[in-house]
């Protein structure tokens, strides 16, 4: 973490603007990278798995139909048939999801909880 902090400070120091402005641009760019839609991944694993990966990578939680437990650990995503786990709800509290990342979900509705007013 220390190394990443030093790298981000160096990247933020490249411009002649105030520190907070540069850092905001860097983190905004990084959030956009995490939210980028990977259509090939959606085609390979299906929209629910790809959306789950995206949401967990961005710090959100996911609940699947028929399950009471929220999935919050990217490394413990359920495996099995691609159509077995369908997203029922998303808790986006304190996550970095952005509106253009919702292309991962396709055109079906899910329940979105959290700070939805903060979506960019």
C-alpha atoms as a PDB file:
ATOM      1  CA  UNK A   1       0.000   0.000   0.000  1.00  0.00           C
ATOM      2  CA  UNK A   2       2.871   2.315   0.764  1.00  0.00           C
ATOM      3  CA  UNK A   3       4.304   1.805  -2.722  1.00  0.00           C
ATOM      4  CA  UNK A   4       0.953   2.546  -4.357  1.00  0.00           C
ATOM      5  CA  UNK A   5       0.598   5.699  -2.242  1.00  0.00           C
ATOM      6  CA  UNK A   6       3.991   6.951  -3.409  1.00  0.00           C
ATOM      7  CA  UNK A   7       3.154   6.185  -7.041  1.00  0.00           C
ATOM      8  CA  UNK A   8      -0.174   8.008  -6.797  1.00  0.00           C
ATOM      9  CA  UNK A   9       1.567  11.012  -5.210  1.00  0.00           C
ATOM     10  CA  UNK A  10       4.039  11.079  -8.086  1.00  0.00           C
ATOM     11  CA  UNK A  11       1.249  10.797 -10.650  1.00  0.00           C
ATOM     12  CA  UNK A  12      -0.698  13.559  -8.950  1.00  0.00           C
ATOM     13  CA  UNK A  13       2.426  15.730  -8.942  1.00  0.00           C
ATOM     14  CA  UNK A  14       2.769  15.644 -12.740  1.00  0.00           C
ATOM     15  CA  UNK A  15       0.447  18.625 -13.259  1.00  0.00           C
ATOM     16  CA  UNK A  16       0.919  22.112 -11.872  1.00  0.00           C
ATOM     17  CA  UNK A  17      -2.578  22.158 -10.335  1.00  0.00           C
ATOM     18  CA  UNK A  18      -3.376  21.966  -6.601  1.00  0.00           C
ATOM     19  CA  UNK A  19      -2.916  18.541  -4.992  1.00  0.00           C
ATOM     20  CA  UNK A  20      -6.603  17.813  -4.378  1.00  0.00           C
ATOM     21  CA  UNK A  21      -7.565  18.543  -7.975  1.00  0.00           C
ATOM     22  CA  UNK A  22      -4.893  16.228  -9.392  1.00  0.00           C
ATOM     23  CA  UNK A  23      -5.689  13.459  -6.956  1.00  0.00           C
ATOM     24  CA  UNK A  24      -9.403  13.724  -7.726  1.00  0.00           C
ATOM     25  CA  UNK A  25      -8.669  13.334 -11.434  1.00  0.00           C
ATOM     26  CA  UNK A  26      -6.458  10.310 -10.782  1.00  0.00           C
ATOM     27  CA  UNK A  27      -9.032   8.547  -8.585  1.00  0.00           C
ATOM     28  CA  UNK A  28     -11.814   9.383 -11.024  1.00  0.00           C
ATOM     29  CA  UNK A  29      -9.777   7.827 -13.815  1.00  0.00           C
ATOM     30  CA  UNK A  30      -9.079   4.745 -11.675  1.00  0.00           C
ATOM     31  CA  UNK A  31     -12.787   4.354 -10.832  1.00  0.00           C
ATOM     32  CA  UNK A  32     -13.610   4.613 -14.544  1.00  0.00           C
ATOM     33  CA  UNK A  33     -11.150   1.790 -15.272  1.00  0.00           C
ATOM     34  CA  UNK A  34     -12.837  -0.435 -12.663  1.00  0.00           C
ATOM     35  CA  UNK A  35     -16.261   0.339 -14.164  1.00  0.00           C
ATOM     36  CA  UNK A  36     -15.316  -0.315 -17.792  1.00  0.00           C
ATOM     37  CA  UNK A  37     -17.653  -2.854 -19.377  1.00  0.00           C
ATOM     38  CA  UNK A  38     -15.916  -5.957 -20.731  1.00  0.00           C
ATOM     39  CA  UNK A  39     -18.325  -7.305 -23.356  1.00  0.00           C
ATOM     40  CA  UNK A  40     -16.098 -10.308 -24.016  1.00  0.00           C
ATOM     41  CA  UNK A  41     -16.259 -11.282 -20.327  1.00  0.00           C
ATOM     42  CA  UNK A  42     -20.057 -10.938 -20.373  1.00  0.00           C
ATOM     43  CA  UNK A  43     -20.194 -13.221 -23.402  1.00  0.00           C
ATOM     44  CA  UNK A  44     -17.849 -15.770 -21.746  1.00  0.00           C
ATOM     45  CA  UNK A  45     -19.410 -16.023 -18.263  1.00  0.00           C
ATOM     46  CA  UNK A  46     -22.846 -14.429 -18.622  1.00  0.00           C
ATOM     47  CA  UNK A  47     -24.213 -11.100 -17.424  1.00  0.00           C
ATOM     48  CA  UNK A  48     -24.832 -12.086 -13.794  1.00  0.00           C
ATOM     49  CA  UNK A  49     -21.318 -13.405 -13.177  1.00  0.00           C
ATOM     50  CA  UNK A  50     -19.699 -10.477 -15.026  1.00  0.00           C
ATOM     51  CA  UNK A  51     -21.888  -7.989 -13.138  1.00  0.00           C
ATOM     52  CA  UNK A  52     -21.064  -9.691  -9.820  1.00  0.00           C
ATOM     53  CA  UNK A  53     -17.353  -9.439 -10.562  1.00  0.00           C
ATOM     54  CA  UNK A  54     -17.716  -5.761 -11.490  1.00  0.00           C
ATOM     55  CA  UNK A  55     -19.779  -4.888  -8.417  1.00  0.00           C
ATOM     56  CA  UNK A  56     -17.520  -6.684  -5.940  1.00  0.00           C
ATOM     57  CA  UNK A  57     -14.409  -5.227  -7.580  1.00  0.00           C
ATOM     58  CA  UNK A  58     -15.912  -1.776  -6.966  1.00  0.00           C
ATOM     59  CA  UNK A  59     -16.770  -2.461  -3.321  1.00  0.00           C
ATOM     60  CA  UNK A  60     -20.502  -3.192  -3.612  1.00  0.00           C
ATOM     61  CA  UNK A  61     -22.322  -6.279  -2.281  1.00  0.00           C
ATOM     62  CA  UNK A  62     -24.582  -8.634  -4.233  1.00  0.00           C
ATOM     63  CA  UNK A  63     -27.460 -10.910  -3.182  1.00  0.00           C
ATOM     64  CA  UNK A  64     -28.714 -13.676  -5.451  1.00  0.00           C
ATOM     65  CA  UNK A  65     -32.274 -14.987  -5.854  1.00  0.00           C
ATOM     66  CA  UNK A  66     -33.010 -17.654  -3.246  1.00  0.00           C
ATOM     67  CA  UNK A  67     -30.137 -16.605  -0.963  1.00  0.00           C
ATOM     68  CA  UNK A  68     -30.341 -14.577   2.230  1.00  0.00           C
ATOM     69  CA  UNK A  69     -26.605 -13.936   2.527  1.00  0.00           C
ATOM     70  CA  UNK A  70     -24.922 -10.958   0.847  1.00  0.00           C
ATOM     71  CA  UNK A  71     -21.890 -11.791  -1.300  1.00  0.00           C
ATOM     72  CA  UNK A  72     -19.080  -9.360  -0.541  1.00  0.00           C
ATOM     73  CA  UNK A  73     -15.873 -11.282  -1.223  1.00  0.00           C
ATOM     74  CA  UNK A  74     -14.709 -11.377  -4.843  1.00  0.00           C
ATOM     75  CA  UNK A  75     -12.612 -14.479  -4.158  1.00  0.00           C
ATOM     76  CA  UNK A  76     -15.631 -16.427  -2.876  1.00  0.00           C
ATOM     77  CA  UNK A  77     -17.949 -15.897  -5.817  1.00  0.00           C
ATOM     78  CA  UNK A  78     -20.110 -18.986  -6.317  1.00  0.00           C
ATOM     79  CA  UNK A  79     -19.212 -21.348  -9.116  1.00  0.00           C
ATOM     80  CA  UNK A  80     -21.413 -23.627 -11.149  1.00  0.00           C
ATOM     81  CA  UNK A  81     -23.724 -23.278 -14.128  1.00  0.00           C
ATOM     82  CA  UNK A  82     -23.812 -19.732 -15.521  1.00  0.00           C
ATOM     83  CA  UNK A  83     -27.586 -19.391 -15.172  1.00  0.00           C
ATOM     84  CA  UNK A  84     -27.795 -20.695 -11.577  1.00  0.00           C
ATOM     85  CA  UNK A  85     -27.022 -17.425  -9.736  1.00  0.00           C
ATOM     86  CA  UNK A  86     -29.209 -14.469 -10.716  1.00  0.00           C
ATOM     87  CA  UNK A  87     -28.660 -11.097  -9.056  1.00  0.00           C
ATOM     88  CA  UNK A  88     -31.621 -10.012  -6.951  1.00  0.00           C
ATOM     89  CA  UNK A  89     -30.219  -6.990  -5.115  1.00  0.00           C
ATOM     90  CA  UNK A  90     -27.157  -4.751  -5.049  1.00  0.00           C
ATOM     91  CA  UNK A  91     -25.940  -2.795  -2.028  1.00  0.00           C
ATOM     92  CA  UNK A  92     -23.824   0.024  -3.446  1.00  0.00           C
ATOM     93  CA  UNK A  93     -23.143   1.759  -0.125  1.00  0.00           C
ATOM     94  CA  UNK A  94     -19.678   3.350  -0.164  1.00  0.00           C
ATOM     95  CA  UNK A  95     -18.756   1.683  -3.457  1.00  0.00           C
ATOM     96  CA  UNK A  96     -17.168   3.266  -6.523  1.00  0.00           C
ATOM     97  CA  UNK A  97     -19.693   2.025  -9.093  1.00  0.00           C
ATOM     98  CA  UNK A  98     -20.471   4.462 -11.887  1.00  0.00           C
ATOM     99  CA  UNK A  99     -23.613   4.655 -14.008  1.00  0.00           C
ATOM    100  CA  UNK A 100     -21.968   3.455 -17.227  1.00  0.00           C
ATOM    101  CA  UNK A 101     -20.960   0.242 -15.441  1.00  0.00           C
ATOM    102  CA  UNK A 102     -24.620  -0.787 -15.333  1.00  0.00           C
ATOM    103  CA  UNK A 103     -24.233  -2.060 -18.894  1.00  0.00           C
ATOM    104  CA  UNK A 104     -22.893  -5.175 -17.134  1.00  0.00           C
ATOM    105  CA  UNK A 105     -26.441  -5.888 -15.946  1.00  0.00           C
ATOM    106  CA  UNK A 106     -28.158  -5.876 -19.319  1.00  0.00           C
ATOM    107  CA  UNK A 107     -31.806  -4.842 -19.394  1.00  0.00           C
ATOM    108  CA  UNK A 108     -33.310  -6.591 -16.404  1.00  0.00           C
ATOM    109  CA  UNK A 109     -34.251  -4.902 -13.120  1.00  0.00           C
ATOM    110  CA  UNK A 110     -32.524  -5.405  -9.765  1.00  0.00           C
ATOM    111  CA  UNK A 111     -33.013  -3.735  -6.402  1.00  0.00           C
ATOM    112  CA  UNK A 112     -30.286  -1.145  -5.821  1.00  0.00           C
ATOM    113  CA  UNK A 113     -29.560  -0.063  -2.240  1.00  0.00           C
ATOM    114  CA  UNK A 114     -27.102   2.475  -0.896  1.00  0.00           C
ATOM    115  CA  UNK A 115     -25.848   5.904  -1.927  1.00  0.00           C
ATOM    116  CA  UNK A 116     -27.471   5.930  -5.351  1.00  0.00           C
ATOM    117  CA  UNK A 117     -27.541   9.720  -5.451  1.00  0.00           C
ATOM    118  CA  UNK A 118     -23.742   9.700  -5.647  1.00  0.00           C
ATOM    119  CA  UNK A 119     -23.542   7.798  -8.936  1.00  0.00           C
ATOM    120  CA  UNK A 120     -21.475   9.541 -11.577  1.00  0.00           C
END
